[in-house]
Amino acid sequence: MHDIINNPQHYTDRRFEVIEVIEDAIEKAIDPVLANCQSQVLRYILRMWDKDTPLQNAKKAQWYLSRLIDKLEDRLEDRQEKPFRFG
């Protein structure tokens, strides 16, 4: 029997676990709110074909991506942050 709490099949049926990919991707996020939005985008895209319907998952990812973009634009407009540097 598969352990749906600790190792759900839709997370572990790939070469890499989704949670590990997400943790690696958000490691350099400058803010926990931005990291959360990014992680949700990745979560819905990476599992797009596994749960619910692909269209529904794509729309959820789009919602979080729009929120992430809005928050990044707000930071720049408020001049709270210098332009973001990558790498």
PDB file of N, CA and C in Angstrom:
ATOM      1  N   MET A   1       0.838  -1.187   0.000  1.00  0.00           N
ATOM      2  CA  MET A   1       0.000   0.000   0.000  1.00  0.00           C
ATOM      3  C   MET A   1       0.883   1.251   0.000  1.00  0.00           C
ATOM      4  N   HIS A   2       0.471   2.239  -0.758  1.00  0.00           N
ATOM      5  CA  HIS A   2       1.252   3.469  -0.885  1.00  0.00           C
ATOM      6  C   HIS A   2       0.918   4.426   0.260  1.00  0.00           C
ATOM      7  N   ASP A   3       1.934   5.079   0.802  1.00  0.00           N
ATOM      8  CA  ASP A   3       1.762   6.019   1.923  1.00  0.00           C
ATOM      9  C   ASP A   3       1.344   7.381   1.363  1.00  0.00           C
ATOM     10  N   ILE A   4       0.034   7.709   1.442  1.00  0.00           N
ATOM     11  CA  ILE A   4      -0.459   8.948   0.840  1.00  0.00           C
ATOM     12  C   ILE A   4      -0.138  10.188   1.668  1.00  0.00           C
ATOM     13  N   ILE A   5       0.335  10.020   2.891  1.00  0.00           N
ATOM     14  CA  ILE A   5       0.710  11.162   3.728  1.00  0.00           C
ATOM     15  C   ILE A   5       2.170  11.551   3.498  1.00  0.00           C
ATOM     16  N   ASN A   6       3.057  10.609   3.648  1.00  0.00           N
ATOM     17  CA  ASN A   6       4.490  10.915   3.570  1.00  0.00           C
ATOM     18  C   ASN A   6       5.083  10.820   2.170  1.00  0.00           C
ATOM     19  N   ASN A   7       4.505   9.999   1.340  1.00  0.00           N
ATOM     20  CA  ASN A   7       5.041   9.808  -0.015  1.00  0.00           C
ATOM     21  C   ASN A   7       3.913   9.606  -1.019  1.00  0.00           C
ATOM     22  N   PRO A   8       3.080  10.616  -1.227  1.00  0.00           N
ATOM     23  CA  PRO A   8       1.992  10.436  -2.189  1.00  0.00           C
ATOM     24  C   PRO A   8       2.542  10.164  -3.584  1.00  0.00           C
ATOM     25  N   GLN A   9       1.884   9.275  -4.293  1.00  0.00           N
ATOM     26  CA  GLN A   9       2.385   8.843  -5.588  1.00  0.00           C
ATOM     27  C   GLN A   9       2.527   9.996  -6.576  1.00  0.00           C
ATOM     28  N   HIS A  10       1.615  10.983  -6.513  1.00  0.00           N
ATOM     29  CA  HIS A  10       1.709  12.082  -7.474  1.00  0.00           C
ATOM     30  C   HIS A  10       2.896  12.999  -7.175  1.00  0.00           C
ATOM     31  N   TYR A  11       3.571  12.800  -6.056  1.00  0.00           N
ATOM     32  CA  TYR A  11       4.803  13.534  -5.762  1.00  0.00           C
ATOM     33  C   TYR A  11       6.043  12.704  -6.073  1.00  0.00           C
ATOM     34  N   THR A  12       5.922  11.404  -6.025  1.00  0.00           N
ATOM     35  CA  THR A  12       7.118  10.566  -6.081  1.00  0.00           C
ATOM     36  C   THR A  12       7.227   9.707  -7.341  1.00  0.00           C
ATOM     37  N   ASP A  13       6.364   9.888  -8.309  1.00  0.00           N
ATOM     38  CA  ASP A  13       6.429   9.048  -9.502  1.00  0.00           C
ATOM     39  C   ASP A  13       7.308   9.648 -10.600  1.00  0.00           C
ATOM     40  N   ARG A  14       8.140  10.597 -10.221  1.00  0.00           N
ATOM     41  CA  ARG A  14       9.078  11.225 -11.160  1.00  0.00           C
ATOM     42  C   ARG A  14      10.514  10.965 -10.705  1.00  0.00           C
ATOM     43  N   ARG A  15      11.465  11.414 -11.498  1.00  0.00           N
ATOM     44  CA  ARG A  15      12.866  11.261 -11.099  1.00  0.00           C
ATOM     45  C   ARG A  15      13.185  12.092  -9.875  1.00  0.00           C
ATOM     46  N   PHE A  16      12.513  13.255  -9.720  1.00  0.00           N
ATOM     47  CA  PHE A  16      12.759  14.149  -8.592  1.00  0.00           C
ATOM     48  C   PHE A  16      11.434  14.422  -7.890  1.00  0.00           C
ATOM     49  N   GLU A  17      11.469  14.513  -6.565  1.00  0.00           N
ATOM     50  CA  GLU A  17      10.249  14.838  -5.835  1.00  0.00           C
ATOM     51  C   GLU A  17       9.924  16.310  -6.030  1.00  0.00           C
ATOM     52  N   VAL A  18       8.664  16.589  -6.229  1.00  0.00           N
ATOM     53  CA  VAL A  18       8.215  17.955  -6.464  1.00  0.00           C
ATOM     54  C   VAL A  18       8.678  18.887  -5.349  1.00  0.00           C
ATOM     55  N   ILE A  19       8.551  18.461  -4.110  1.00  0.00           N
ATOM     56  CA  ILE A  19       8.925  19.330  -2.989  1.00  0.00           C
ATOM     57  C   ILE A  19      10.400  19.704  -3.023  1.00  0.00           C
ATOM     58  N   GLU A  20      11.250  18.791  -3.457  1.00  0.00           N
ATOM     59  CA  GLU A  20      12.678  19.090  -3.540  1.00  0.00           C
ATOM     60  C   GLU A  20      12.971  20.090  -4.657  1.00  0.00           C
ATOM     61  N   VAL A  21      12.276  19.962  -5.766  1.00  0.00           N
ATOM     62  CA  VAL A  21      12.432  20.912  -6.869  1.00  0.00           C
ATOM     63  C   VAL A  21      11.997  22.308  -6.413  1.00  0.00           C
ATOM     64  N   ILE A  22      10.859  22.376  -5.736  1.00  0.00           N
ATOM     65  CA  ILE A  22      10.346  23.665  -5.264  1.00  0.00           C
ATOM     66  C   ILE A  22      11.280  24.287  -4.242  1.00  0.00           C
ATOM     67  N   GLU A  23      11.714  23.502  -3.258  1.00  0.00           N
ATOM     68  CA  GLU A  23      12.631  24.038  -2.234  1.00  0.00           C
ATOM     69  C   GLU A  23      13.894  24.596  -2.861  1.00  0.00           C
ATOM     70  N   ASP A  24      14.418  23.886  -3.854  1.00  0.00           N
ATOM     71  CA  ASP A  24      15.621  24.359  -4.534  1.00  0.00           C
ATOM     72  C   ASP A  24      15.340  25.650  -5.299  1.00  0.00           C
ATOM     73  N   ALA A  25      14.190  25.732  -5.943  1.00  0.00           N
ATOM     74  CA  ALA A  25      13.858  26.893  -6.774  1.00  0.00           C
ATOM     75  C   ALA A  25      13.636  28.164  -5.963  1.00  0.00           C
ATOM     76  N   ILE A  26      13.076  28.049  -4.767  1.00  0.00           N
ATOM     77  CA  ILE A  26      12.746  29.254  -3.986  1.00  0.00           C
ATOM     78  C   ILE A  26      13.835  29.635  -2.991  1.00  0.00           C
ATOM     79  N   GLU A  27      14.912  28.924  -3.007  1.00  0.00           N
ATOM     80  CA  GLU A  27      15.991  29.134  -2.037  1.00  0.00           C
ATOM     81  C   GLU A  27      16.480  30.579  -1.982  1.00  0.00           C
ATOM     82  N   LYS A  28      16.531  31.255  -3.106  1.00  0.00           N
ATOM     83  CA  LYS A  28      17.064  32.622  -3.141  1.00  0.00           C
ATOM     84  C   LYS A  28      15.980  33.694  -3.115  1.00  0.00           C
ATOM     85  N   ALA A  29      14.751  33.306  -2.838  1.00  0.00           N
ATOM     86  CA  ALA A  29      13.663  34.287  -2.802  1.00  0.00           C
ATOM     87  C   ALA A  29      13.972  35.353  -1.752  1.00  0.00           C
ATOM     88  N   ILE A  30      13.615  36.583  -2.061  1.00  0.00           N
ATOM     89  CA  ILE A  30      13.951  37.707  -1.184  1.00  0.00           C
ATOM     90  C   ILE A  30      12.904  37.959  -0.111  1.00  0.00           C
ATOM     91  N   ASP A  31      11.818  37.184  -0.132  1.00  0.00           N
ATOM     92  CA  ASP A  31      10.711  37.438   0.775  1.00  0.00           C
ATOM     93  C   ASP A  31       9.864  36.164   0.854  1.00  0.00           C
ATOM     94  N   PRO A  32       9.352  35.792   2.021  1.00  0.00           N
ATOM     95  CA  PRO A  32       8.558  34.570   2.129  1.00  0.00           C
ATOM     96  C   PRO A  32       7.243  34.607   1.341  1.00  0.00           C
ATOM     97  N   VAL A  33       6.660  35.782   1.187  1.00  0.00           N
ATOM     98  CA  VAL A  33       5.415  35.881   0.415  1.00  0.00           C
ATOM     99  C   VAL A  33       5.702  35.601  -1.061  1.00  0.00           C
ATOM    100  N   LEU A  34       6.779  36.171  -1.571  1.00  0.00           N
ATOM    101  CA  LEU A  34       7.166  35.912  -2.958  1.00  0.00           C
ATOM    102  C   LEU A  34       7.534  34.443  -3.155  1.00  0.00           C
ATOM    103  N   ALA A  35       8.235  33.886  -2.192  1.00  0.00           N
ATOM    104  CA  ALA A  35       8.604  32.467  -2.265  1.00  0.00           C
ATOM    105  C   ALA A  35       7.364  31.587  -2.305  1.00  0.00           C
ATOM    106  N   ASN A  36       6.362  31.944  -1.501  1.00  0.00           N
ATOM    107  CA  ASN A  36       5.135  31.156  -1.489  1.00  0.00           C
ATOM    108  C   ASN A  36       4.434  31.211  -2.840  1.00  0.00           C
ATOM    109  N   CYS A  37       4.323  32.398  -3.411  1.00  0.00           N
ATOM    110  CA  CYS A  37       3.678  32.506  -4.718  1.00  0.00           C
ATOM    111  C   CYS A  37       4.419  31.679  -5.767  1.00  0.00           C
ATOM    112  N   GLN A  38       5.739  31.788  -5.768  1.00  0.00           N
ATOM    113  CA  GLN A  38       6.539  31.022  -6.725  1.00  0.00           C
ATOM    114  C   GLN A  38       6.361  29.522  -6.502  1.00  0.00           C
ATOM    115  N   SER A  39       6.350  29.103  -5.249  1.00  0.00           N
ATOM    116  CA  SER A  39       6.214  27.675  -4.964  1.00  0.00           C
ATOM    117  C   SER A  39       4.855  27.142  -5.421  1.00  0.00           C
ATOM    118  N   GLN A  40       3.812  27.953  -5.292  1.00  0.00           N
ATOM    119  CA  GLN A  40       2.482  27.517  -5.728  1.00  0.00           C
ATOM    120  C   GLN A  40       2.421  27.411  -7.250  1.00  0.00           C
ATOM    121  N   VAL A  41       3.041  28.348  -7.952  1.00  0.00           N
ATOM    122  CA  VAL A  41       3.096  28.261  -9.419  1.00  0.00           C
ATOM    123  C   VAL A  41       3.750  26.942  -9.815  1.00  0.00           C
ATOM    124  N   LEU A  42       4.898  26.669  -9.217  1.00  0.00           N
ATOM    125  CA  LEU A  42       5.622  25.437  -9.544  1.00  0.00           C
ATOM    126  C   LEU A  42       4.808  24.202  -9.181  1.00  0.00           C
ATOM    127  N   ARG A  43       4.195  24.221  -8.027  1.00  0.00           N
ATOM    128  CA  ARG A  43       3.392  23.079  -7.565  1.00  0.00           C
ATOM    129  C   ARG A  43       2.297  22.727  -8.573  1.00  0.00           C
ATOM    130  N   TYR A  44       1.554  23.724  -9.007  1.00  0.00           N
ATOM    131  CA  TYR A  44       0.460  23.446  -9.939  1.00  0.00           C
ATOM    132  C   TYR A  44       0.959  23.064 -11.327  1.00  0.00           C
ATOM    133  N   ILE A  45       2.050  23.641 -11.768  1.00  0.00           N
ATOM    134  CA  ILE A  45       2.601  23.288 -13.080  1.00  0.00           C
ATOM    135  C   ILE A  45       3.224  21.892 -13.058  1.00  0.00           C
ATOM    136  N   LEU A  46       4.009  21.613 -12.017  1.00  0.00           N
ATOM    137  CA  LEU A  46       4.687  20.318 -11.958  1.00  0.00           C
ATOM    138  C   LEU A  46       3.721  19.155 -11.789  1.00  0.00           C
ATOM    139  N   ARG A  47       2.603  19.382 -11.130  1.00  0.00           N
ATOM    140  CA  ARG A  47       1.603  18.332 -10.921  1.00  0.00           C
ATOM    141  C   ARG A  47       0.397  18.493 -11.845  1.00  0.00           C
ATOM    142  N   MET A  48       0.527  19.295 -12.861  1.00  0.00           N
ATOM    143  CA  MET A  48      -0.591  19.674 -13.715  1.00  0.00           C
ATOM    144  C   MET A  48      -1.399  18.486 -14.232  1.00  0.00           C
ATOM    145  N   TRP A  49      -0.752  17.427 -14.584  1.00  0.00           N
ATOM    146  CA  TRP A  49      -1.421  16.281 -15.202  1.00  0.00           C
ATOM    147  C   TRP A  49      -1.832  15.216 -14.187  1.00  0.00           C
ATOM    148  N   ASP A  50      -1.546  15.445 -12.910  1.00  0.00           N
ATOM    149  CA  ASP A  50      -1.759  14.399 -11.907  1.00  0.00           C
ATOM    150  C   ASP A  50      -3.069  14.509 -11.136  1.00  0.00           C
ATOM    151  N   LYS A  51      -3.545  15.701 -10.891  1.00  0.00           N
ATOM    152  CA  LYS A  51      -4.714  15.893 -10.039  1.00  0.00           C
ATOM    153  C   LYS A  51      -5.705  16.829 -10.716  1.00  0.00           C
ATOM    154  N   ASP A  52      -6.968  16.680 -10.374  1.00  0.00           N
ATOM    155  CA  ASP A  52      -8.018  17.533 -10.917  1.00  0.00           C
ATOM    156  C   ASP A  52      -7.952  17.517 -12.445  1.00  0.00           C
ATOM    157  N   THR A  53      -8.071  18.670 -13.053  1.00  0.00           N
ATOM    158  CA  THR A  53      -7.957  18.749 -14.511  1.00  0.00           C
ATOM    159  C   THR A  53      -6.776  19.633 -14.866  1.00  0.00           C
ATOM    160  N   PRO A  54      -6.112  19.355 -15.975  1.00  0.00           N
ATOM    161  CA  PRO A  54      -4.973  20.189 -16.364  1.00  0.00           C
ATOM    162  C   PRO A  54      -5.346  21.664 -16.498  1.00  0.00           C
ATOM    163  N   LEU A  55      -6.510  21.956 -17.061  1.00  0.00           N
ATOM    164  CA  LEU A  55      -6.915  23.343 -17.215  1.00  0.00           C
ATOM    165  C   LEU A  55      -7.075  24.026 -15.865  1.00  0.00           C
ATOM    166  N   GLN A  56      -7.687  23.340 -14.919  1.00  0.00           N
ATOM    167  CA  GLN A  56      -7.861  23.904 -13.582  1.00  0.00           C
ATOM    168  C   GLN A  56      -6.511  24.177 -12.931  1.00  0.00           C
ATOM    169  N   ASN A  57      -5.579  23.259 -13.048  1.00  0.00           N
ATOM    170  CA  ASN A  57      -4.249  23.450 -12.470  1.00  0.00           C
ATOM    171  C   ASN A  57      -3.505  24.586 -13.167  1.00  0.00           C
ATOM    172  N   ALA A  58      -3.655  24.697 -14.481  1.00  0.00           N
ATOM    173  CA  ALA A  58      -3.016  25.797 -15.208  1.00  0.00           C
ATOM    174  C   ALA A  58      -3.577  27.143 -14.759  1.00  0.00           C
ATOM    175  N   LYS A  59      -4.874  27.201 -14.535  1.00  0.00           N
ATOM    176  CA  LYS A  59      -5.483  28.449 -14.074  1.00  0.00           C
ATOM    177  C   LYS A  59      -5.047  28.808 -12.659  1.00  0.00           C
ATOM    178  N   LYS A  60      -4.890  27.800 -11.810  1.00  0.00           N
ATOM    179  CA  LYS A  60      -4.393  28.065 -10.450  1.00  0.00           C
ATOM    180  C   LYS A  60      -2.965  28.598 -10.512  1.00  0.00           C
ATOM    181  N   ALA A  61      -2.132  27.998 -11.348  1.00  0.00           N
ATOM    182  CA  ALA A  61      -0.757  28.478 -11.513  1.00  0.00           C
ATOM    183  C   ALA A  61      -0.749  29.904 -12.038  1.00  0.00           C
ATOM    184  N   GLN A  62      -1.626  30.192 -12.985  1.00  0.00           N
ATOM    185  CA  GLN A  62      -1.728  31.535 -13.547  1.00  0.00           C
ATOM    186  C   GLN A  62      -2.134  32.546 -12.479  1.00  0.00           C
ATOM    187  N   TRP A  63      -3.056  32.173 -11.592  1.00  0.00           N
ATOM    188  CA  TRP A  63      -3.505  33.067 -10.524  1.00  0.00           C
ATOM    189  C   TRP A  63      -2.333  33.418  -9.611  1.00  0.00           C
ATOM    190  N   TYR A  64      -1.570  32.409  -9.207  1.00  0.00           N
ATOM    191  CA  TYR A  64      -0.419  32.666  -8.342  1.00  0.00           C
ATOM    192  C   TYR A  64       0.676  33.438  -9.074  1.00  0.00           C
ATOM    193  N   LEU A  65       0.862  33.177 -10.349  1.00  0.00           N
ATOM    194  CA  LEU A  65       1.864  33.918 -11.101  1.00  0.00           C
ATOM    195  C   LEU A  65       1.470  35.391 -11.220  1.00  0.00           C
ATOM    196  N   SER A  66       0.213  35.653 -11.459  1.00  0.00           N
ATOM    197  CA  SER A  66      -0.255  37.047 -11.512  1.00  0.00           C
ATOM    198  C   SER A  66      -0.040  37.738 -10.171  1.00  0.00           C
ATOM    199  N   ARG A  67      -0.318  37.039  -9.103  1.00  0.00           N
ATOM    200  CA  ARG A  67      -0.108  37.602  -7.764  1.00  0.00           C
ATOM    201  C   ARG A  67       1.378  37.890  -7.533  1.00  0.00           C
ATOM    202  N   LEU A  68       2.236  36.970  -7.936  1.00  0.00           N
ATOM    203  CA  LEU A  68       3.683  37.159  -7.795  1.00  0.00           C
ATOM    204  C   LEU A  68       4.143  38.387  -8.587  1.00  0.00           C
ATOM    205  N   ILE A  69       3.682  38.515  -9.817  1.00  0.00           N
ATOM    206  CA  ILE A  69       4.054  39.658 -10.646  1.00  0.00           C
ATOM    207  C   ILE A  69       3.565  40.956 -10.018  1.00  0.00           C
ATOM    208  N   ASP A  70       2.334  40.980  -9.543  1.00  0.00           N
ATOM    209  CA  ASP A  70       1.799  42.181  -8.887  1.00  0.00           C
ATOM    210  C   ASP A  70       2.649  42.588  -7.691  1.00  0.00           C
ATOM    211  N   LYS A  71       3.044  41.607  -6.887  1.00  0.00           N
ATOM    212  CA  LYS A  71       3.840  41.915  -5.696  1.00  0.00           C
ATOM    213  C   LYS A  71       5.229  42.427  -6.070  1.00  0.00           C
ATOM    214  N   LEU A  72       5.822  41.866  -7.099  1.00  0.00           N
ATOM    215  CA  LEU A  72       7.127  42.350  -7.561  1.00  0.00           C
ATOM    216  C   LEU A  72       7.014  43.778  -8.104  1.00  0.00           C
ATOM    217  N   GLU A  73       5.967  44.043  -8.861  1.00  0.00           N
ATOM    218  CA  GLU A  73       5.768  45.395  -9.381  1.00  0.00           C
ATOM    219  C   GLU A  73       5.517  46.391  -8.252  1.00  0.00           C
ATOM    220  N   ASP A  74       4.732  45.986  -7.237  1.00  0.00           N
ATOM    221  CA  ASP A  74       4.483  46.866  -6.084  1.00  0.00           C
ATOM    222  C   ASP A  74       5.778  47.238  -5.382  1.00  0.00           C
ATOM    223  N   ARG A  75       6.677  46.285  -5.227  1.00  0.00           N
ATOM    224  CA  ARG A  75       7.954  46.552  -4.558  1.00  0.00           C
ATOM    225  C   ARG A  75       8.767  47.588  -5.323  1.00  0.00           C
ATOM    226  N   LEU A  76       8.779  47.464  -6.629  1.00  0.00           N
ATOM    227  CA  LEU A  76       9.538  48.420  -7.440  1.00  0.00           C
ATOM    228  C   LEU A  76       8.888  49.794  -7.424  1.00  0.00           C
ATOM    229  N   GLU A  77       7.572  49.828  -7.482  1.00  0.00           N
ATOM    230  CA  GLU A  77       6.866  51.112  -7.459  1.00  0.00           C
ATOM    231  C   GLU A  77       7.043  51.829  -6.130  1.00  0.00           C
ATOM    232  N   ASP A  78       7.045  51.091  -5.047  1.00  0.00           N
ATOM    233  CA  ASP A  78       7.196  51.693  -3.723  1.00  0.00           C
ATOM    234  C   ASP A  78       8.635  52.118  -3.446  1.00  0.00           C
ATOM    235  N   ARG A  79       9.532  51.746  -4.331  1.00  0.00           N
ATOM    236  CA  ARG A  79      10.947  52.062  -4.158  1.00  0.00           C
ATOM    237  C   ARG A  79      11.513  51.498  -2.857  1.00  0.00           C
ATOM    238  N   GLN A  80      10.865  50.451  -2.381  1.00  0.00           N
ATOM    239  CA  GLN A  80      11.362  49.783  -1.177  1.00  0.00           C
ATOM    240  C   GLN A  80      12.575  48.927  -1.503  1.00  0.00           C
ATOM    241  N   GLU A  81      12.680  48.585  -2.725  1.00  0.00           N
ATOM    242  CA  GLU A  81      13.744  47.686  -3.153  1.00  0.00           C
ATOM    243  C   GLU A  81      14.528  48.298  -4.300  1.00  0.00           C
ATOM    244  N   LYS A  82      15.793  48.004  -4.349  1.00  0.00           N
ATOM    245  CA  LYS A  82      16.573  48.311  -5.534  1.00  0.00           C
ATOM    246  C   LYS A  82      16.136  47.320  -6.595  1.00  0.00           C
ATOM    247  N   PRO A  83      16.407  47.604  -7.856  1.00  0.00           N
ATOM    248  CA  PRO A  83      16.075  46.601  -8.876  1.00  0.00           C
ATOM    249  C   PRO A  83      16.667  45.258  -8.492  1.00  0.00           C
ATOM    250  N   PHE A  84      15.920  44.210  -8.775  1.00  0.00           N
ATOM    251  CA  PHE A  84      16.338  42.871  -8.376  1.00  0.00           C
ATOM    252  C   PHE A  84      17.580  42.450  -9.150  1.00  0.00           C
ATOM    253  N   ARG A  85      18.441  41.806  -8.459  1.00  0.00           N
ATOM    254  CA  ARG A  85      19.645  41.253  -9.087  1.00  0.00           C
ATOM    255  C   ARG A  85      19.525  39.744  -9.065  1.00  0.00           C
ATOM    256  N   PHE A  86      19.920  39.143 -10.152  1.00  0.00           N
ATOM    257  CA  PHE A  86      19.821  37.697 -10.263  1.00  0.00           C
ATOM    258  C   PHE A  86      21.222  37.120 -10.362  1.00  0.00           C
ATOM    259  N   GLY A  87      21.363  35.926  -9.763  1.00  0.00           N
ATOM    260  CA  GLY A  87      22.598  35.179  -9.876  1.00  0.00           C
ATOM    261  C   GLY A  87      23.668  35.556  -8.939  1.00  0.00           C
TER     262      GLY A  87
END
